[in-house]
C-alpha atoms as a PDB file:
ATOM      1  CA  MET A   1      -2.359 109.477   2.589  1.00  0.00           C
ATOM      2  CA  SER A   2      -0.139 107.611   0.179  1.00  0.00           C
ATOM      3  CA  GLY A   3      -1.575 105.650  -2.826  1.00  0.00           C
ATOM      4  CA  GLU A   4      -0.701 102.376  -1.256  1.00  0.00           C
ATOM      5  CA  ILE A   5      -3.614 100.038  -0.676  1.00  0.00           C
ATOM      6  CA  PRO A   6      -3.285  98.244   2.642  1.00  0.00           C
ATOM      7  CA  VAL A   7      -3.149  94.466   2.426  1.00  0.00           C
ATOM      8  CA  LEU A   8      -4.736  92.782   5.493  1.00  0.00           C
ATOM      9  CA  GLU A   9      -3.943  89.312   6.734  1.00  0.00           C
ATOM     10  CA  MET A  10      -7.155  87.452   7.668  1.00  0.00           C
ATOM     11  CA  VAL A  11      -6.143  85.528  10.864  1.00  0.00           C
ATOM     12  CA  HIS A  12      -9.745  84.268  10.870  1.00  0.00           C
ATOM     13  CA  PRO A  13     -11.035  84.066   7.264  1.00  0.00           C
ATOM     14  CA  PHE A  14     -14.398  85.032   6.009  1.00  0.00           C
ATOM     15  CA  VAL A  15     -17.074  82.367   6.599  1.00  0.00           C
ATOM     16  CA  GLY A  16     -17.167  80.180   3.375  1.00  0.00           C
ATOM     17  CA  PHE A  17     -13.724  81.468   2.113  1.00  0.00           C
ATOM     18  CA  PRO A  18     -11.129  79.682   4.297  1.00  0.00           C
ATOM     19  CA  ASP A  19      -8.475  79.791   1.589  1.00  0.00           C
ATOM     20  CA  HIS A  20      -8.523  83.606   1.186  1.00  0.00           C
ATOM     21  CA  THR A  21      -6.331  85.121   3.717  1.00  0.00           C
ATOM     22  CA  ARG A  22      -4.844  88.240   2.132  1.00  0.00           C
ATOM     23  CA  PHE A  23      -7.218  91.095   1.241  1.00  0.00           C
ATOM     24  CA  ALA A  24      -6.669  94.619  -0.022  1.00  0.00           C
ATOM     25  CA  LEU A  25      -8.795  97.403   1.481  1.00  0.00           C
ATOM     26  CA  ALA A  26      -9.636 100.241  -0.912  1.00  0.00           C
ATOM     27  CA  ARG A  27     -11.986 103.155  -0.495  1.00  0.00           C
ATOM     28  CA  LEU A  28     -14.845 103.455  -2.948  1.00  0.00           C
ATOM     29  CA  ASP A  29     -15.857 106.997  -1.995  1.00  0.00           C
ATOM     30  CA  ASP A  30     -14.013 110.172  -0.907  1.00  0.00           C
ATOM     31  CA  GLU A  31     -15.159 109.847   2.700  1.00  0.00           C
ATOM     32  CA  GLY A  32     -13.939 106.277   3.178  1.00  0.00           C
ATOM     33  CA  THR A  33     -17.453 105.173   4.149  1.00  0.00           C
ATOM     34  CA  VAL A  34     -17.781 102.513   1.494  1.00  0.00           C
ATOM     35  CA  CYS A  35     -14.764 100.256   0.981  1.00  0.00           C
ATOM     36  CA  ASP A  36     -13.970  97.210  -1.195  1.00  0.00           C
ATOM     37  CA  LEU A  37     -12.247  94.329   0.541  1.00  0.00           C
ATOM     38  CA  ARG A  38     -10.793  92.182  -2.266  1.00  0.00           C
ATOM     39  CA  SER A  39      -8.807  88.978  -2.137  1.00  0.00           C
ATOM     40  CA  VAL A  40      -5.222  89.578  -3.339  1.00  0.00           C
ATOM     41  CA  ASP A  41      -4.989  85.932  -4.584  1.00  0.00           C
ATOM     42  CA  ASP A  42      -8.426  85.855  -6.321  1.00  0.00           C
ATOM     43  CA  PRO A  43      -9.760  89.338  -7.219  1.00  0.00           C
ATOM     44  CA  ALA A  44     -13.168  87.696  -7.956  1.00  0.00           C
ATOM     45  CA  VAL A  45     -13.604  87.427  -4.274  1.00  0.00           C
ATOM     46  CA  SER A  46     -14.506  90.754  -2.837  1.00  0.00           C
ATOM     47  CA  PHE A  47     -16.789  92.291  -0.197  1.00  0.00           C
ATOM     48  CA  VAL A  48     -18.251  95.692   0.204  1.00  0.00           C
ATOM     49  CA  VAL A  49     -17.658  96.847   3.726  1.00  0.00           C
ATOM     50  CA  VAL A  50     -18.651  99.996   5.774  1.00  0.00           C
ATOM     51  CA  PRO A  51     -17.871 101.251   9.308  1.00  0.00           C
ATOM     52  CA  PRO A  52     -21.097 100.374  11.142  1.00  0.00           C
ATOM     53  CA  HIS A  53     -21.205 103.577  13.367  1.00  0.00           C
ATOM     54  CA  VAL A  54     -22.110 105.616  10.248  1.00  0.00           C
ATOM     55  CA  PHE A  55     -25.395 103.628   9.963  1.00  0.00           C
ATOM     56  CA  PHE A  56     -25.840 102.159  13.391  1.00  0.00           C
ATOM     57  CA  ALA A  57     -24.840 104.619  16.122  1.00  0.00           C
ATOM     58  CA  ASP A  58     -25.529 102.149  18.925  1.00  0.00           C
ATOM     59  CA  TYR A  59     -23.596  99.241  17.373  1.00  0.00           C
ATOM     60  CA  GLY A  60     -20.766  98.138  19.734  1.00  0.00           C
ATOM     61  CA  PRO A  61     -19.762  94.440  19.333  1.00  0.00           C
ATOM     62  CA  GLU A  62     -18.281  92.656  22.266  1.00  0.00           C
ATOM     63  CA  VAL A  63     -14.919  91.237  21.208  1.00  0.00           C
ATOM     64  CA  ASP A  64     -13.531  88.325  23.166  1.00  0.00           C
ATOM     65  CA  ASP A  65      -9.972  88.177  24.507  1.00  0.00           C
ATOM     66  CA  SER A  66      -8.850  85.403  22.118  1.00  0.00           C
ATOM     67  CA  THR A  67      -9.866  87.643  19.113  1.00  0.00           C
ATOM     68  CA  VAL A  68      -8.000  90.626  20.611  1.00  0.00           C
ATOM     69  CA  ALA A  69      -4.870  88.476  21.074  1.00  0.00           C
ATOM     70  CA  MET A  70      -5.120  87.021  17.491  1.00  0.00           C
ATOM     71  CA  LEU A  71      -5.308  90.489  16.133  1.00  0.00           C
ATOM     72  CA  GLY A  72      -2.412  91.809  18.314  1.00  0.00           C
ATOM     73  CA  VAL A  73      -4.691  94.618  19.713  1.00  0.00           C
ATOM     74  CA  GLU A  74      -2.847  96.605  22.371  1.00  0.00           C
ATOM     75  CA  SER A  75      -5.319  99.509  22.670  1.00  0.00           C
ATOM     76  CA  GLU A  76      -8.962 100.214  21.584  1.00  0.00           C
ATOM     77  CA  ASP A  77      -7.473 102.789  19.072  1.00  0.00           C
ATOM     78  CA  ASP A  78      -5.856  99.888  17.181  1.00  0.00           C
ATOM     79  CA  LEU A  79      -9.291  98.369  16.270  1.00  0.00           C
ATOM     80  CA  LEU A  80     -11.370  99.295  13.239  1.00  0.00           C
ATOM     81  CA  THR A  81     -14.798  97.619  12.942  1.00  0.00           C
ATOM     82  CA  LEU A  82     -16.335  97.039   9.512  1.00  0.00           C
ATOM     83  CA  VAL A  83     -19.518  95.214   8.481  1.00  0.00           C
ATOM     84  CA  VAL A  84     -20.191  93.316   5.252  1.00  0.00           C
ATOM     85  CA  VAL A  85     -22.807  94.955   3.020  1.00  0.00           C
ATOM     86  CA  THR A  86     -25.050  92.976   0.651  1.00  0.00           C
ATOM     87  CA  LEU A  87     -26.149  95.120  -2.200  1.00  0.00           C
ATOM     88  CA  GLY A  88     -29.632  94.963  -3.378  1.00  0.00           C
ATOM     89  CA  GLU A  89     -31.347  96.012  -6.699  1.00  0.00           C
ATOM     90  CA  THR A  90     -31.357  99.585  -5.446  1.00  0.00           C
ATOM     91  CA  ALA A  91     -29.397 101.395  -2.649  1.00  0.00           C
ATOM     92  CA  GLU A  92     -32.470 101.195  -0.430  1.00  0.00           C
ATOM     93  CA  ASP A  93     -32.282  97.325  -0.482  1.00  0.00           C
ATOM     94  CA  ALA A  94     -28.691  97.116   0.863  1.00  0.00           C
ATOM     95  CA  THR A  95     -28.217  95.339   4.140  1.00  0.00           C
ATOM     96  CA  ALA A  96     -25.376  94.950   6.658  1.00  0.00           C
ATOM     97  CA  ASN A  97     -24.314  91.784   8.493  1.00  0.00           C
ATOM     98  CA  LEU A  98     -24.141  92.912  12.142  1.00  0.00           C
ATOM     99  CA  LEU A  99     -23.716  89.463  13.532  1.00  0.00           C
ATOM    100  CA  ALA A 100     -20.264  88.774  11.869  1.00  0.00           C
ATOM    101  CA  PRO A 101     -18.249  92.018  11.739  1.00  0.00           C
ATOM    102  CA  VAL A 102     -14.830  92.222  10.266  1.00  0.00           C
ATOM    103  CA  LEU A 103     -12.358  93.468  12.869  1.00  0.00           C
ATOM    104  CA  VAL A 104      -9.207  95.126  11.649  1.00  0.00           C
ATOM    105  CA  ASN A 105      -6.073  96.025  13.645  1.00  0.00           C
ATOM    106  CA  HIS A 106      -4.899  98.831  11.448  1.00  0.00           C
ATOM    107  CA  ARG A 107      -1.460  98.860  13.195  1.00  0.00           C
ATOM    108  CA  THR A 108      -0.559  95.258  12.507  1.00  0.00           C
ATOM    109  CA  ARG A 109      -2.972  94.898   9.455  1.00  0.00           C
ATOM    110  CA  ARG A 110      -4.390  91.672  10.931  1.00  0.00           C
ATOM    111  CA  ALA A 111      -8.053  91.119  10.454  1.00  0.00           C
ATOM    112  CA  ALA A 112     -10.738  88.559  11.308  1.00  0.00           C
ATOM    113  CA  GLN A 113     -14.386  88.046  10.468  1.00  0.00           C
ATOM    114  CA  VAL A 114     -15.905  87.157  13.912  1.00  0.00           C
ATOM    115  CA  VAL A 115     -19.252  85.663  14.414  1.00  0.00           C
ATOM    116  CA  LEU A 116     -20.526  87.219  17.595  1.00  0.00           C
ATOM    117  CA  ASP A 117     -22.439  85.458  20.484  1.00  0.00           C
ATOM    118  CA  ASP A 118     -25.293  87.990  20.387  1.00  0.00           C
ATOM    119  CA  LEU A 119     -27.855  86.120  18.330  1.00  0.00           C
ATOM    120  CA  GLU A 120     -30.171  89.186  18.498  1.00  0.00           C
ATOM    121  CA  LEU A 121     -27.905  90.998  16.036  1.00  0.00           C
ATOM    122  CA  PRO A 122     -29.305  90.673  12.419  1.00  0.00           C
ATOM    123  CA  ILE A 123     -27.467  89.255   9.469  1.00  0.00           C
ATOM    124  CA  LYS A 124     -29.470  91.492   7.190  1.00  0.00           C
ATOM    125  CA  ALA A 125     -29.959  94.880   8.824  1.00  0.00           C
ATOM    126  CA  PRO A 126     -31.299  97.440   6.326  1.00  0.00           C
ATOM    127  CA  LEU A 127     -28.934 100.329   5.646  1.00  0.00           C
ATOM    128  CA  ALA A 128     -31.719 102.645   4.366  1.00  0.00           C
ATOM    129  CA  GLY A 129     -32.966 104.885   7.138  1.00  0.00           C
ATOM    130  CA  ALA A 130     -30.293 103.619   9.539  1.00  0.00           C
ATOM    131  CA  SER A 131     -27.959 106.530   9.422  1.00  0.00           C
ATOM    132  CA  ALA A 132     -27.001 108.007  12.765  1.00  0.00           C
END
């Protein structure tokens, strides 16, 4: 892999950050489990994101057709799902937002934070003890 950090275009911005549409995605660990999603235009705006399957094996959000079209998804292989992590005072306090994942088309580099219709999904799912 080259040293280039991919810049993603948020076709549906983060809730509360409508003016931030370009984000750089960078790995924070060697495995690529923990990543930093940082605004290119305002580096003070950043989110810690993780692939949910590492912590929540059964997580499989339903993505609507309009989101698929917005992202330019042609096959399931195009899509990368990430969830935003809220860090706590300790690693055991970290939670993941399963209700509003970040969907990334790694081929087109378009991304969107999507609020899902499944209201049973938690906004603060504990990461501690959730590994698959």
